[in-house]
Amino acid sequence: MTTVLHLQLFGGLNIEQNGAPLSGFISNKAAALLVYLAVTRQRHHREVLSGLLWGEMPDADARNNLRQALSNLRKLVGECLVINRSAAGLNPNAPLLIDTEQFASHLKAADTAKDPVAELQTAASLYRGDFLAGFYLHNAPAFEEWMQGQRARYRGLALHTLHTLTNAHLHKRNYRQAIETTTQLLNLDAWREEAHRQLMLALVYSGQRTAALAQY
């Protein structure tokens, strides 16, 4: 049976295999290793991977921990991995779904769509929160730096998407949808003044003047 992996990285970490939650990771770092290989979709030298997750340890200990993590992943998702003595990565032919890639795909489609609203709406629905929100590794500053970079990138894309989507809804007089998208935007960035103005406009145009004044 072909193994299908589904990684949901927005709003936390959820990994499914053939529709069922994937468990059995020996540590959070083993799960982080799978995430890194999946998101980058590249093969990486073992030295890079051991430094990413165990860079605070002596080299021998870091290499040993990497071997154990790769062995664990091989047992869990063996056919999805390509591992040799010098490098490791995901099998490029393995069925893999990642919400970050789906998000980016819908944004790309919106760039060329005659009416991009549907693509933007789907992208916005995929963004359930920050990249790996609440996920933490002890003594892994290199992974933390990479994770924070991904988090900032996707948050920026989500804010821009919601702003664009709200303007489109206002232009089409879809005020209920404009209120929903602006509320989602403000949940991400409560100090975004332009979003507050958009929300007030949507509330006024939808006849909710009292709510608009309260927003002010």
Protein backbone atom coordinates (compact mmCIF):
# COMPACT_ATOMS: atom_id res chain seq x y z
CA MET A 1 0.00 0.00 0.00
CA THR A 2 1.32 3.44 -0.96
CA THR A 3 2.01 5.65 2.03
CA VAL A 4 0.45 9.11 1.80
CA LEU A 5 1.79 11.69 4.23
CA HIS A 6 -0.18 14.80 5.13
CA LEU A 7 1.57 17.50 7.16
CA GLN A 8 -0.44 20.36 8.65
CA LEU A 9 2.02 22.97 9.86
CA PHE A 10 -0.17 26.07 10.25
CA GLY A 11 -1.38 26.50 13.81
CA GLY A 12 0.75 23.69 15.23
CA LEU A 13 1.98 20.31 14.04
CA ASN A 14 -0.27 17.52 12.86
CA ILE A 15 1.04 14.61 10.78
CA GLU A 16 -1.19 11.99 9.24
CA GLN A 17 -0.33 8.83 7.36
CA ASN A 18 -3.02 7.42 5.08
CA GLY A 19 -5.62 9.52 6.86
CA ALA A 20 -4.69 8.48 10.41
CA PRO A 21 -2.59 10.40 12.96
CA LEU A 22 1.06 9.38 12.77
CA SER A 23 2.56 8.58 16.16
CA GLY A 24 5.63 6.76 17.38
CA PHE A 25 8.21 9.52 17.11
CA ILE A 26 11.01 8.94 19.60
CA SER A 27 11.29 12.68 20.22
CA ASN A 28 10.11 16.08 19.04
CA LYS A 29 13.41 16.36 17.19
CA ALA A 30 12.58 13.28 15.13
CA ALA A 31 9.28 14.91 14.15
CA ALA A 32 11.12 18.17 13.44
CA LEU A 33 13.52 16.29 11.18
CA LEU A 34 10.62 14.95 9.13
CA VAL A 35 9.12 18.44 8.91
CA TYR A 36 12.41 19.95 7.75
CA LEU A 37 12.96 17.30 5.08
CA ALA A 38 9.38 17.69 3.87
CA VAL A 39 9.32 21.49 3.74
CA THR A 40 12.72 21.85 2.07
CA ARG A 41 12.17 18.90 -0.29
CA GLN A 42 15.91 18.50 -0.59
CA ARG A 43 18.49 15.92 0.37
CA HIS A 44 20.79 17.21 3.10
CA HIS A 45 24.18 16.03 4.25
CA ARG A 46 24.09 14.33 7.62
CA GLU A 47 26.43 16.97 9.05
CA VAL A 48 23.89 19.67 8.18
CA LEU A 49 21.01 17.77 9.79
CA SER A 50 22.91 16.90 12.95
CA GLY A 51 24.00 20.53 13.29
CA LEU A 52 20.45 21.74 12.73
CA LEU A 53 18.97 19.71 15.58
CA TRP A 54 21.88 18.74 17.83
CA GLY A 55 24.39 21.48 17.15
CA GLU A 56 24.92 22.11 20.87
CA MET A 57 26.29 18.58 21.36
CA PRO A 58 29.70 17.09 20.60
CA ASP A 59 29.85 15.88 16.99
CA ALA A 60 29.85 12.19 17.87
CA ASP A 61 26.75 12.54 20.05
CA ALA A 62 25.00 14.65 17.41
CA ARG A 63 25.69 12.06 14.71
CA ASN A 64 24.44 9.27 16.95
CA ASN A 65 21.21 11.13 17.71
CA LEU A 66 20.68 11.74 14.00
CA ARG A 67 21.17 8.02 13.27
CA GLN A 68 18.55 7.15 15.87
CA ALA A 69 16.10 9.73 14.52
CA LEU A 70 16.55 8.54 10.93
CA SER A 71 16.09 4.94 12.04
CA ASN A 72 12.87 5.97 13.77
CA LEU A 73 11.62 7.78 10.66
CA ARG A 74 12.54 4.82 8.47
CA LYS A 75 10.29 2.61 10.59
CA LEU A 76 7.43 5.12 10.47
CA VAL A 77 7.56 6.33 6.85
CA GLY A 78 10.24 4.17 5.25
CA GLU A 79 9.26 4.40 1.59
CA CYS A 80 8.96 8.18 1.84
CA LEU A 81 12.65 8.56 2.70
CA VAL A 82 15.90 8.29 0.80
CA ILE A 83 18.78 7.69 3.20
CA ASN A 84 22.39 6.77 2.56
CA ARG A 85 25.66 7.02 4.47
CA SER A 86 26.16 10.70 3.68
CA ALA A 87 22.73 12.28 3.22
CA ALA A 88 19.00 12.01 3.82
CA GLY A 89 15.90 13.41 2.20
CA LEU A 90 12.35 12.67 1.17
CA ASN A 91 11.64 10.48 -1.81
CA PRO A 92 10.64 12.96 -4.54
CA ASN A 93 8.06 10.46 -5.83
CA ALA A 94 6.40 9.90 -2.45
CA PRO A 95 2.81 11.20 -2.16
CA LEU A 96 3.04 14.17 0.17
CA LEU A 97 0.55 16.88 1.10
CA ILE A 98 1.70 19.93 3.06
CA ASP A 99 -0.63 22.79 3.91
CA THR A 100 2.16 25.34 3.40
CA GLU A 101 2.59 24.17 -0.19
CA GLN A 102 -1.16 24.16 -0.79
CA PHE A 103 -1.32 27.71 0.60
CA ALA A 104 1.46 28.89 -1.73
CA SER A 105 -0.11 27.09 -4.70
CA HIS A 106 -3.42 28.92 -4.28
CA LEU A 107 -1.63 32.26 -3.97
CA LYS A 108 0.24 31.55 -7.20
CA ALA A 109 -3.01 30.61 -8.94
CA ALA A 110 -4.59 33.85 -7.71
CA ASP A 111 -1.87 35.86 -9.47
CA THR A 112 -3.11 34.72 -12.88
CA ALA A 113 -6.82 34.16 -12.16
CA LYS A 114 -9.36 36.46 -13.80
CA ASP A 115 -11.19 36.58 -10.47
CA PRO A 116 -8.71 35.66 -7.71
CA VAL A 117 -11.19 35.74 -4.81
CA ALA A 118 -11.85 31.99 -4.72
CA GLU A 119 -8.13 31.17 -4.71
CA LEU A 120 -7.40 33.77 -2.03
CA GLN A 121 -10.30 32.51 0.07
CA THR A 122 -9.00 28.95 -0.08
CA ALA A 123 -5.50 30.11 0.84
CA ALA A 124 -6.86 32.09 3.79
CA SER A 125 -8.81 29.06 5.03
CA LEU A 126 -5.62 26.99 5.04
CA TYR A 127 -3.82 29.47 7.29
CA ARG A 128 -5.03 28.32 10.72
CA GLY A 129 -2.25 30.03 12.64
CA ASP A 130 1.49 30.57 12.69
CA PHE A 131 3.87 28.03 11.18
CA LEU A 132 4.44 25.32 13.83
CA ALA A 133 2.71 27.44 16.47
CA GLY A 134 3.50 26.17 19.96
CA PHE A 135 6.19 23.78 18.71
CA TYR A 136 9.45 23.99 20.65
CA LEU A 137 12.74 22.12 20.67
CA HIS A 138 15.23 22.21 23.52
CA ASN A 139 18.78 23.22 22.56
CA ALA A 140 18.20 23.53 18.82
CA PRO A 141 18.90 27.19 17.96
CA ALA A 142 19.56 26.50 14.27
CA PHE A 143 16.17 24.83 13.85
CA GLU A 144 14.54 27.62 15.87
CA GLU A 145 16.06 30.22 13.55
CA TRP A 146 14.81 28.34 10.48
CA MET A 147 11.35 27.92 12.01
CA GLN A 148 11.09 31.61 12.91
CA GLY A 149 12.06 32.55 9.36
CA GLN A 150 9.34 30.32 7.94
CA ARG A 151 6.87 31.67 10.47
CA ALA A 152 7.57 35.31 9.56
CA ARG A 153 7.38 34.57 5.84
CA TYR A 154 4.02 32.82 5.96
CA ARG A 155 2.54 35.29 8.43
CA GLY A 156 3.43 38.12 6.06
CA LEU A 157 1.84 36.28 3.14
CA ALA A 158 -1.29 35.58 5.19
CA LEU A 159 -1.65 39.22 6.24
CA HIS A 160 -1.27 40.39 2.65
CA THR A 161 -3.75 37.76 1.46
CA LEU A 162 -6.39 38.77 4.00
CA HIS A 163 -5.89 42.46 3.25
CA THR A 164 -6.31 41.86 -0.50
CA LEU A 165 -9.29 39.60 0.08
CA THR A 166 -11.01 42.16 2.31
CA ASN A 167 -10.59 44.87 -0.32
CA ALA A 168 -12.07 42.54 -2.93
CA HIS A 169 -15.07 41.79 -0.71
CA LEU A 170 -15.62 45.49 -0.02
CA HIS A 171 -15.42 46.26 -3.74
CA LYS A 172 -18.04 43.58 -4.45
CA ARG A 173 -20.16 44.73 -1.49
CA ASN A 174 -19.79 41.35 0.19
CA TYR A 175 -19.74 42.96 3.61
CA ARG A 176 -20.28 39.83 5.70
CA GLN A 177 -17.25 38.19 4.09
CA ALA A 178 -15.26 41.41 4.50
CA ILE A 179 -16.04 41.40 8.23
CA GLU A 180 -14.94 37.76 8.51
CA THR A 181 -11.63 38.23 6.70
CA THR A 182 -10.80 41.47 8.51
CA THR A 183 -11.54 39.82 11.85
CA GLN A 184 -9.18 36.99 10.92
CA LEU A 185 -6.55 39.56 9.94
CA LEU A 186 -6.88 41.42 13.25
CA ASN A 187 -6.54 38.15 15.14
CA LEU A 188 -3.08 37.93 13.55
CA ASP A 189 -2.17 41.60 13.95
CA ALA A 190 -4.38 43.49 16.39
CA TRP A 191 -2.50 46.78 15.84
CA ARG A 192 -2.97 46.96 12.08
CA GLU A 193 -4.74 50.32 11.69
CA GLU A 194 -5.74 49.80 8.07
CA ALA A 195 -7.52 46.58 9.02
CA HIS A 196 -9.47 48.43 11.70
CA ARG A 197 -10.55 50.97 9.07
CA GLN A 198 -11.58 48.16 6.72
CA LEU A 199 -13.62 46.54 9.47
CA MET A 200 -15.36 49.82 10.33
CA LEU A 201 -16.26 50.35 6.67
CA ALA A 202 -17.66 46.84 6.36
CA LEU A 203 -19.70 47.28 9.54
CA VAL A 204 -21.08 50.66 8.43
CA TYR A 205 -21.99 49.44 4.95
CA SER A 206 -23.67 46.36 6.41
CA GLY A 207 -25.83 48.57 8.64
CA GLN A 208 -23.99 47.86 11.89
CA ARG A 209 -23.19 51.45 12.82
CA THR A 210 -23.12 50.82 16.57
CA ALA A 211 -20.58 48.03 16.11
CA ALA A 212 -18.55 50.30 13.82
CA LEU A 213 -18.46 53.03 16.49
CA ALA A 214 -17.41 50.45 19.08
CA GLN A 215 -14.60 49.37 16.76
CA TYR A 216 -13.47 52.99 16.53
